[in-house]
Amino acid sequence: MRFLLDAEQRAFAASLDAMLASADTPSAVRAWATGDHAPGRSLWSRLAEAGVFALAVPEAYEGVGLLPVELAVAFVELGRHGVPGPVVETVAAAVLLSELGDLGETGPAERLLPGLASGKSVATFAPAGAYALDADAATTLLVVEGETLRSAPGHGPVRASVDPSRRLALPEAGGELLATGPQVTRAARRAMAWARLATAAQALGVGLALLDRTVAYVGQRTQFGVPVGSFQAVKHRLADATIALEFARPLLFGAALSMAPAEVSAAKVTACEAAYTTARTALQLHGAIGYTAEYDLSLWFTRARALRTAWGTQAECRAEALAGLSGGGPRS
């Protein structure tokens, strides 16, 4: 089955691609890794103006509605350009709050969702006891523990991850209680599906960027007086990477159409494996220069590694996908 984007969705992707291509995202990523969030927040504001975060916020809270296909389109471009920050976590937080709905005039959805949609607020979100991504940059730090949702008052020391631009910290205990009850567990499960979808889309974009850069590089680099890209073994490696990425694409958009947790998990496994395979190919075909942190390839290579375990390991996602096939998995 083929899942083709319509003209409006393709135009949306093209507009984001053009905007991010002119934004020097590698500089923003490197600044983010040092704790300088200014360039990244400027980029964040431009993404919000383009409506990216509003795609996970209902119209009642100043969003455009929950549109998973359009969100996947956007996150492929965010991955392609290596955008830093807790973009997936902000989407997950928005979906979590949307699923809970308004709990009165000053409920968490009413208070927090408009800021997330507009880009004025940045959220990160983690289960209790887990590290939160970019907590030092977030204005809202949500923590789910069983049937309880709270806003953490702060975070512990920031630690580096395999991707230096993905900064991790443990949320502090306590904070404001936002919601409690079985609806929190259901909302968290729904938010997890959206987070995995956005992660899969990001991974696909990362893989596409690595492939494009590698094809360009082997076309310029020469050995024995001819481009490296003309060697049959190199062509085979690039073909394998291309097939893996193109196989992941329909799974991603098929999952976005259904939002069934098993299908989303399958899409995440496939996209993350395709991105990681492409990253290894890119590293090998670039040779020694591919190992240098100063070379931009490293920004996408480390992102591909980090996304494999973000929002569920490959083993966990495979288990959910298999459970869905057997009819034993959770329903969306």
Protein backbone atom coordinates (compact mmCIF):
# COMPACT_ATOMS: atom_id res chain seq x y z
CA MET A 1 0.00 0.00 0.00
CA ARG A 2 1.26 3.49 -0.85
CA PHE A 3 0.78 6.49 1.40
CA LEU A 4 1.23 9.64 -0.68
CA LEU A 5 1.18 13.15 0.71
CA ASP A 6 -1.24 15.61 -0.84
CA ALA A 7 -0.16 18.89 -2.42
CA GLU A 8 -0.75 20.90 0.75
CA GLN A 9 1.32 18.51 2.87
CA ARG A 10 4.15 18.53 0.32
CA ALA A 11 4.09 22.33 0.28
CA PHE A 12 4.25 22.37 4.09
CA ALA A 13 7.31 20.11 4.01
CA ALA A 14 8.96 22.26 1.35
CA SER A 15 8.36 25.46 3.33
CA LEU A 16 9.92 23.96 6.47
CA ASP A 17 12.84 22.61 4.45
CA ALA A 18 13.51 26.04 2.94
CA MET A 19 13.21 27.80 6.30
CA LEU A 20 15.53 25.39 8.11
CA ALA A 21 18.05 25.28 5.26
CA SER A 22 18.62 29.02 5.71
CA ALA A 23 18.81 28.88 9.51
CA ASP A 24 22.30 27.37 10.06
CA THR A 25 20.98 24.65 12.34
CA PRO A 26 24.44 23.07 12.90
CA SER A 27 25.51 26.23 14.74
CA ALA A 28 22.32 26.13 16.82
CA VAL A 29 22.93 22.45 17.66
CA ARG A 30 26.49 23.12 18.78
CA ALA A 31 25.40 26.08 20.90
CA TRP A 32 22.63 24.00 22.47
CA ALA A 33 25.15 21.32 23.43
CA THR A 34 27.06 23.91 25.49
CA GLY A 35 23.92 25.16 27.26
CA ASP A 36 23.46 28.23 25.04
CA HIS A 37 19.81 28.00 24.08
CA ALA A 38 19.41 31.37 22.36
CA PRO A 39 19.95 30.24 18.74
CA GLY A 40 17.81 27.16 19.31
CA ARG A 41 14.99 29.16 20.91
CA SER A 42 15.06 31.56 17.95
CA LEU A 43 14.64 28.57 15.66
CA TRP A 44 11.91 27.24 17.96
CA SER A 45 9.95 30.48 17.56
CA ARG A 46 10.12 30.22 13.78
CA LEU A 47 8.86 26.64 13.90
CA ALA A 48 5.99 27.72 16.14
CA GLU A 49 5.09 30.51 13.71
CA ALA A 50 4.97 27.87 10.97
CA GLY A 51 2.41 25.98 13.09
CA VAL A 52 4.52 22.93 13.97
CA PHE A 53 3.61 22.72 17.67
CA ALA A 54 -0.01 23.71 17.06
CA LEU A 55 -0.39 20.37 15.22
CA ALA A 56 -0.58 18.61 18.60
CA VAL A 57 -2.94 21.08 20.29
CA PRO A 58 -6.76 21.17 19.92
CA GLU A 59 -8.39 24.26 18.44
CA ALA A 60 -10.01 24.98 21.81
CA TYR A 61 -6.54 25.74 23.17
CA GLU A 62 -5.30 27.85 20.24
CA GLY A 63 -3.93 24.95 18.21
CA VAL A 64 -5.04 23.60 14.83
CA GLY A 65 -6.19 20.22 16.09
CA LEU A 66 -4.44 16.89 16.58
CA LEU A 67 -3.02 16.18 13.10
CA PRO A 68 -0.56 13.26 13.28
CA VAL A 69 0.13 13.02 9.53
CA GLU A 70 1.07 16.70 9.27
CA LEU A 71 3.11 16.33 12.45
CA ALA A 72 5.03 13.43 10.90
CA VAL A 73 5.66 15.55 7.79
CA ALA A 74 7.06 18.34 9.97
CA PHE A 75 9.25 16.08 12.08
CA VAL A 76 10.87 14.48 9.05
CA GLU A 77 12.10 17.97 8.19
CA LEU A 78 13.17 18.66 11.78
CA GLY A 79 15.22 15.46 11.69
CA ARG A 80 16.61 16.22 8.26
CA HIS A 81 17.98 19.53 9.54
CA GLY A 82 18.96 18.31 13.02
CA VAL A 83 16.82 20.78 14.98
CA PRO A 84 17.83 20.77 18.68
CA GLY A 85 15.60 20.90 21.73
CA PRO A 86 12.80 18.84 23.29
CA VAL A 87 10.58 19.01 20.22
CA VAL A 88 9.24 15.48 20.65
CA GLU A 89 8.75 16.00 24.38
CA THR A 90 6.78 19.20 23.82
CA VAL A 91 4.47 17.32 21.45
CA ALA A 92 4.07 14.51 23.99
CA ALA A 93 3.27 17.01 26.73
CA ALA A 94 0.72 18.73 24.51
CA VAL A 95 -1.02 15.45 23.69
CA LEU A 96 -0.99 14.41 27.34
CA LEU A 97 -2.64 17.67 28.41
CA SER A 98 -5.08 17.53 25.50
CA GLU A 99 -6.18 14.02 26.43
CA LEU A 100 -6.80 15.08 30.01
CA GLY A 101 -8.82 18.06 28.89
CA ASP A 102 -9.64 21.07 30.97
CA LEU A 103 -10.06 20.49 34.68
CA GLY A 104 -11.75 23.80 35.38
CA GLU A 105 -11.03 27.39 34.43
CA THR A 106 -7.45 27.12 35.68
CA GLY A 107 -6.87 23.51 34.65
CA PRO A 108 -3.50 22.46 33.19
CA ALA A 109 -4.77 22.30 29.60
CA GLU A 110 -6.20 25.80 29.77
CA ARG A 111 -3.06 27.19 31.39
CA LEU A 112 -0.34 25.39 29.45
CA LEU A 113 -1.51 24.42 25.98
CA PRO A 114 -1.78 27.91 24.41
CA GLY A 115 1.84 28.61 25.32
CA LEU A 116 2.99 25.32 23.81
CA ALA A 117 1.06 25.95 20.60
CA SER A 118 2.51 29.44 20.20
CA GLY A 119 6.07 28.43 21.03
CA LYS A 120 6.25 30.79 23.99
CA SER A 121 6.61 27.76 26.28
CA VAL A 122 8.87 24.73 25.95
CA ALA A 123 7.91 21.49 27.69
CA THR A 124 9.70 18.31 28.51
CA PHE A 125 8.06 15.18 29.80
CA ALA A 126 9.30 12.02 31.51
CA PRO A 127 8.03 9.08 33.55
CA ALA A 128 8.95 9.19 37.24
CA GLY A 129 12.53 8.14 37.86
CA ALA A 130 13.58 8.67 34.23
CA TYR A 131 15.80 11.37 32.81
CA ALA A 132 14.05 14.30 31.16
CA LEU A 133 15.47 15.70 27.94
CA ASP A 134 16.61 19.34 27.98
CA ALA A 135 15.03 20.10 31.33
CA ASP A 136 17.36 23.08 31.63
CA ALA A 137 15.72 24.67 28.57
CA ALA A 138 12.11 23.83 29.40
CA THR A 139 9.62 26.17 31.01
CA THR A 140 7.38 23.22 31.94
CA LEU A 141 8.65 19.88 33.25
CA LEU A 142 5.90 17.26 33.42
CA VAL A 143 6.32 13.99 35.31
CA VAL A 144 3.94 11.03 35.26
CA GLU A 145 4.04 8.58 38.14
CA GLY A 146 1.35 5.93 37.94
CA GLU A 147 -1.96 7.78 37.98
CA THR A 148 -0.44 11.12 38.95
CA LEU A 149 0.70 14.02 36.79
CA ARG A 150 2.75 16.80 38.32
CA SER A 151 4.85 19.73 37.28
CA ALA A 152 8.33 19.29 38.74
CA PRO A 153 9.81 22.34 40.50
CA GLY A 154 13.25 21.87 38.95
CA HIS A 155 15.85 19.33 37.92
CA GLY A 156 19.13 17.84 39.01
CA PRO A 157 22.55 18.14 37.36
CA VAL A 158 22.59 18.12 33.57
CA ARG A 159 24.34 15.12 32.05
CA ALA A 160 25.58 14.57 28.52
CA SER A 161 24.16 11.80 26.36
CA VAL A 162 25.52 10.02 23.30
CA ASP A 163 24.24 13.07 21.39
CA PRO A 164 25.81 16.12 23.09
CA SER A 165 22.85 18.30 22.09
CA ARG A 166 20.45 16.01 23.98
CA ARG A 167 21.04 17.09 27.58
CA LEU A 168 19.55 14.91 30.31
CA ALA A 169 18.55 15.66 33.91
CA LEU A 170 16.44 14.00 36.59
CA PRO A 171 13.32 15.98 37.61
CA GLU A 172 13.15 17.00 41.24
CA ALA A 173 10.55 15.50 43.54
CA GLY A 174 7.44 17.40 44.53
CA GLY A 175 5.92 20.24 42.59
CA GLU A 176 2.35 21.10 41.58
CA LEU A 177 -0.15 18.26 41.28
CA LEU A 178 -1.90 18.72 37.92
CA ALA A 179 -4.11 15.64 37.65
CA THR A 180 -4.69 12.28 39.23
CA GLY A 181 -6.70 9.18 38.40
CA PRO A 182 -6.81 6.44 35.73
CA GLN A 183 -7.26 9.07 33.02
CA VAL A 184 -3.63 10.08 33.58
CA THR A 185 -2.43 6.58 32.68
CA ARG A 186 -4.59 6.55 29.53
CA ALA A 187 -3.40 10.02 28.53
CA ALA A 188 0.24 9.05 29.11
CA ARG A 189 -0.16 5.99 26.90
CA ARG A 190 -1.60 8.18 24.14
CA ALA A 191 1.22 10.70 24.55
CA MET A 192 3.73 7.85 24.27
CA ALA A 193 2.29 6.87 20.87
CA TRP A 194 2.63 10.43 19.60
CA ALA A 195 6.17 10.68 20.98
CA ARG A 196 7.16 7.48 19.20
CA LEU A 197 5.60 8.70 15.97
CA ALA A 198 7.49 12.00 16.15
CA THR A 199 10.70 10.15 17.03
CA ALA A 200 10.25 7.83 14.04
CA ALA A 201 9.69 10.80 11.75
CA GLN A 202 12.76 12.54 13.16
CA ALA A 203 14.82 9.38 12.60
CA LEU A 204 13.66 9.13 9.00
CA GLY A 205 14.71 12.74 8.42
CA VAL A 206 18.09 12.09 10.04
CA GLY A 207 18.63 9.09 7.77
CA LEU A 208 17.69 11.05 4.66
CA ALA A 209 20.12 13.82 5.59
CA LEU A 210 22.94 11.33 6.14
CA LEU A 211 22.20 9.64 2.82
CA ASP A 212 22.15 12.94 0.90
CA ARG A 213 25.42 14.08 2.45
CA THR A 214 27.10 10.76 1.77
CA VAL A 215 25.99 10.60 -1.86
CA ALA A 216 27.37 14.10 -2.37
CA TYR A 217 30.65 13.22 -0.64
CA VAL A 218 31.39 10.01 -2.58
CA GLY A 219 30.62 11.88 -5.78
CA GLN A 220 33.39 14.37 -4.99
CA ARG A 221 36.00 12.17 -3.34
CA THR A 222 38.27 10.35 -5.80
CA GLN A 223 40.50 7.28 -5.70
CA PHE A 224 42.54 5.97 -8.62
CA GLY A 225 41.40 9.00 -10.57
CA VAL A 226 37.65 8.25 -10.39
CA PRO A 227 34.87 9.20 -7.92
CA VAL A 228 34.49 6.78 -5.02
CA GLY A 229 30.78 6.74 -5.76
CA SER A 230 31.45 4.89 -9.02
CA PHE A 231 32.68 1.79 -7.15
CA GLN A 232 30.19 -1.06 -7.16
CA ALA A 233 30.61 -1.81 -3.43
CA VAL A 234 29.86 1.81 -2.55
CA LYS A 235 26.76 1.78 -4.77
CA HIS A 236 25.53 -1.35 -3.03
CA ARG A 237 25.93 0.20 0.43
CA LEU A 238 24.06 3.33 -0.62
CA ALA A 239 21.35 1.28 -2.30
CA ASP A 240 20.82 -0.74 0.89
CA ALA A 241 20.49 2.48 2.91
CA THR A 242 18.06 3.94 0.38
CA ILE A 243 15.87 0.85 0.42
CA ALA A 244 15.78 0.81 4.24
CA LEU A 245 14.72 4.47 4.41
CA GLU A 246 12.13 4.13 1.66
CA PHE A 247 10.69 1.06 3.35
CA ALA A 248 10.33 3.04 6.58
CA ARG A 249 8.49 5.94 4.93
CA PRO A 250 5.12 4.20 4.24
CA LEU A 251 5.20 2.55 7.66
CA LEU A 252 5.60 5.99 9.24
CA PHE A 253 2.71 7.61 7.40
CA GLY A 254 0.56 4.50 7.68
CA ALA A 255 1.06 4.63 11.46
CA ALA A 256 0.22 8.35 11.44
CA LEU A 257 -3.09 7.57 9.73
CA SER A 258 -4.11 4.90 12.26
CA MET A 259 -2.22 5.98 15.40
CA ALA A 260 -2.53 2.38 16.59
CA PRO A 261 0.22 1.89 19.21
CA ALA A 262 1.47 -1.33 17.58
CA GLU A 263 1.78 0.31 14.17
CA VAL A 264 3.49 3.36 15.65
CA SER A 265 5.97 1.12 17.47
CA ALA A 266 6.67 -0.82 14.27
CA ALA A 267 7.28 2.46 12.44
CA LYS A 268 9.69 3.60 15.14
CA VAL A 269 11.67 0.36 15.01
CA THR A 270 11.92 0.48 11.23
CA ALA A 271 12.76 4.18 10.92
CA CYS A 272 15.33 4.13 13.73
CA GLU A 273 17.04 1.02 12.35
CA ALA A 274 17.09 2.54 8.86
CA ALA A 275 18.61 5.76 10.20
CA TYR A 276 21.21 3.88 12.23
CA THR A 277 22.13 1.66 9.26
CA THR A 278 22.49 4.76 7.09
CA ALA A 279 24.61 6.42 9.77
CA ARG A 280 27.01 3.48 9.83
CA THR A 281 27.22 3.52 6.05
CA ALA A 282 27.84 7.27 6.06
CA LEU A 283 30.58 6.93 8.65
CA GLN A 284 32.35 4.17 6.74
CA LEU A 285 32.16 5.89 3.36
CA HIS A 286 33.39 9.20 4.73
CA GLY A 287 36.48 7.53 6.18
CA ALA A 288 38.47 9.20 8.95
CA ILE A 289 36.80 12.58 8.51
CA GLY A 290 33.51 11.04 9.57
CA TYR A 291 34.86 10.50 13.09
CA THR A 292 35.69 14.15 13.73
CA ALA A 293 33.32 16.12 15.94
CA GLU A 294 34.07 19.29 13.95
CA TYR A 295 32.58 17.77 10.80
CA ASP A 296 28.81 18.31 10.57
CA LEU A 297 28.16 14.64 9.80
CA SER A 298 28.73 13.89 13.49
CA LEU A 299 25.64 15.89 14.46
CA TRP A 300 23.37 13.54 12.53
CA PHE A 301 25.35 10.42 13.34
CA THR A 302 25.01 10.90 17.11
CA ARG A 303 21.34 11.84 16.71
CA ALA A 304 20.65 8.59 14.86
CA ARG A 305 22.23 6.65 17.75
CA ALA A 306 20.29 8.55 20.41
CA LEU A 307 16.89 8.21 18.74
CA ARG A 308 17.09 4.40 18.73
CA THR A 309 16.39 4.29 22.48
CA ALA A 310 14.33 7.47 22.84
CA TRP A 311 10.75 6.76 23.96
CA GLY A 312 11.28 3.04 24.11
CA THR A 313 14.10 0.73 23.16
CA GLN A 314 13.98 -1.25 19.95
CA ALA A 315 13.17 -4.38 21.97
CA GLU A 316 10.27 -2.67 23.76
CA CYS A 317 8.83 -1.33 20.52
CA ARG A 318 9.17 -4.70 18.81
CA ALA A 319 7.33 -6.34 21.70
CA GLU A 320 4.45 -3.88 21.41
CA ALA A 321 4.29 -4.31 17.66
CA LEU A 322 4.17 -8.10 18.02
CA ALA A 323 1.56 -7.87 20.78
CA GLY A 324 -0.58 -5.76 18.46
CA LEU A 325 -0.35 -8.35 15.72
CA SER A 326 -1.52 -11.03 18.12
CA GLY A 327 -4.33 -8.86 19.42
CA GLY A 328 -2.84 -8.48 22.89
CA GLY A 329 -1.51 -4.94 22.70
CA PRO A 330 -3.10 -1.78 24.12
CA ARG A 331 -5.59 0.02 21.91
CA SER A 332 -5.28 3.64 20.91
